[in-house]
Amino acid sequence: MPADDDEARVHCRLDELLAERGMTLARLAELVGVTVVNLSVLKNDRARAIRFSTLTAICDALGCTPGDLLVVLPEEAAP
């Protein structure tokens, strides 16, 4: 089983993707059908899980893939 520390290595690029598209978190929440609070948890790397339906909806709204949204940081770069 993976160590809990590995969770800190998964980084969500939601903030960067929103900025690139000139979209607010509130607008994305409307498009995706989730709360701003839940998206904020994801954006700030505090999420421990994400439903595939939510991930798909975010990717559809942003015109990206899961690999654009979520990246694994090298071990030495993890907080």
Protein backbone atom coordinates (compact mmCIF):
# COMPACT_ATOMS: atom_id res chain seq x y z
CA MET A 1 0.00 0.00 0.00
CA PRO A 2 1.37 3.47 -0.89
CA ALA A 3 2.57 5.76 1.85
CA ASP A 4 0.31 8.63 2.92
CA ASP A 5 3.14 11.02 2.03
CA ASP A 6 2.59 10.18 -1.65
CA GLU A 7 -0.74 12.03 -1.53
CA ALA A 8 1.18 15.29 -1.14
CA ARG A 9 2.96 14.61 -4.44
CA VAL A 10 -0.24 14.87 -6.50
CA HIS A 11 -0.66 18.51 -7.50
CA CYS A 12 -3.83 19.97 -8.99
CA ARG A 13 -3.17 22.60 -11.65
CA LEU A 14 -6.73 23.97 -11.49
CA ASP A 15 -5.61 27.50 -10.61
CA GLU A 16 -3.22 27.61 -13.58
CA LEU A 17 -5.80 26.22 -16.01
CA LEU A 18 -8.43 28.71 -14.84
CA ALA A 19 -5.99 31.59 -15.30
CA GLU A 20 -5.03 30.41 -18.79
CA ARG A 21 -8.72 30.36 -19.75
CA GLY A 22 -9.72 33.56 -17.97
CA MET A 23 -12.33 31.64 -15.97
CA THR A 24 -13.28 32.08 -12.34
CA LEU A 25 -13.74 29.30 -9.83
CA ALA A 26 -17.36 30.41 -9.42
CA ARG A 27 -18.02 30.04 -13.16
CA LEU A 28 -16.40 26.61 -13.23
CA ALA A 29 -18.56 25.57 -10.27
CA GLU A 30 -21.67 26.59 -12.26
CA LEU A 31 -20.55 24.64 -15.33
CA VAL A 32 -19.54 21.53 -13.40
CA GLY A 33 -22.39 21.51 -10.87
CA VAL A 34 -20.29 21.36 -7.72
CA THR A 35 -19.79 23.93 -4.98
CA VAL A 36 -17.07 26.55 -5.04
CA VAL A 37 -15.92 25.15 -1.69
CA ASN A 38 -15.37 21.68 -3.16
CA LEU A 39 -13.46 23.11 -6.12
CA SER A 40 -11.40 25.24 -3.74
CA VAL A 41 -10.40 22.12 -1.78
CA LEU A 42 -9.24 20.56 -5.05
CA LYS A 43 -7.48 23.74 -6.22
CA ASN A 44 -5.56 24.07 -2.97
CA ASP A 45 -4.30 20.45 -3.04
CA ARG A 46 -6.35 19.48 0.02
CA ALA A 47 -8.55 16.93 -1.76
CA ARG A 48 -8.00 13.28 -0.91
CA ALA A 49 -10.20 11.94 -3.70
CA ILE A 50 -12.17 13.03 -6.76
CA ARG A 51 -15.08 11.30 -8.45
CA PHE A 52 -14.55 10.37 -12.07
CA SER A 53 -17.80 12.17 -12.95
CA THR A 54 -16.47 15.39 -11.37
CA LEU A 55 -13.08 14.97 -13.02
CA THR A 56 -14.75 14.43 -16.39
CA ALA A 57 -17.00 17.47 -15.94
CA ILE A 58 -14.03 19.69 -14.99
CA CYS A 59 -12.03 18.48 -17.98
CA ASP A 60 -15.01 19.06 -20.31
CA ALA A 61 -15.52 22.60 -18.97
CA LEU A 62 -11.81 23.47 -19.23
CA GLY A 63 -11.13 21.61 -22.47
CA CYS A 64 -8.34 19.60 -20.91
CA THR A 65 -7.42 16.05 -19.94
CA PRO A 66 -6.93 14.59 -16.45
CA GLY A 67 -3.18 14.67 -17.13
CA ASP A 68 -3.37 18.43 -17.71
CA LEU A 69 -5.21 18.90 -14.42
CA LEU A 70 -3.38 16.50 -12.11
CA VAL A 71 0.38 15.98 -12.05
CA VAL A 72 2.68 13.95 -9.79
CA LEU A 73 5.54 16.00 -8.40
CA PRO A 74 9.02 14.54 -8.05
CA GLU A 75 9.76 13.28 -4.53
CA GLU A 76 12.17 16.12 -3.81
CA ALA A 77 9.57 18.75 -4.82
CA ALA A 78 6.82 17.48 -2.51
CA PRO A 79 5.94 19.70 0.44
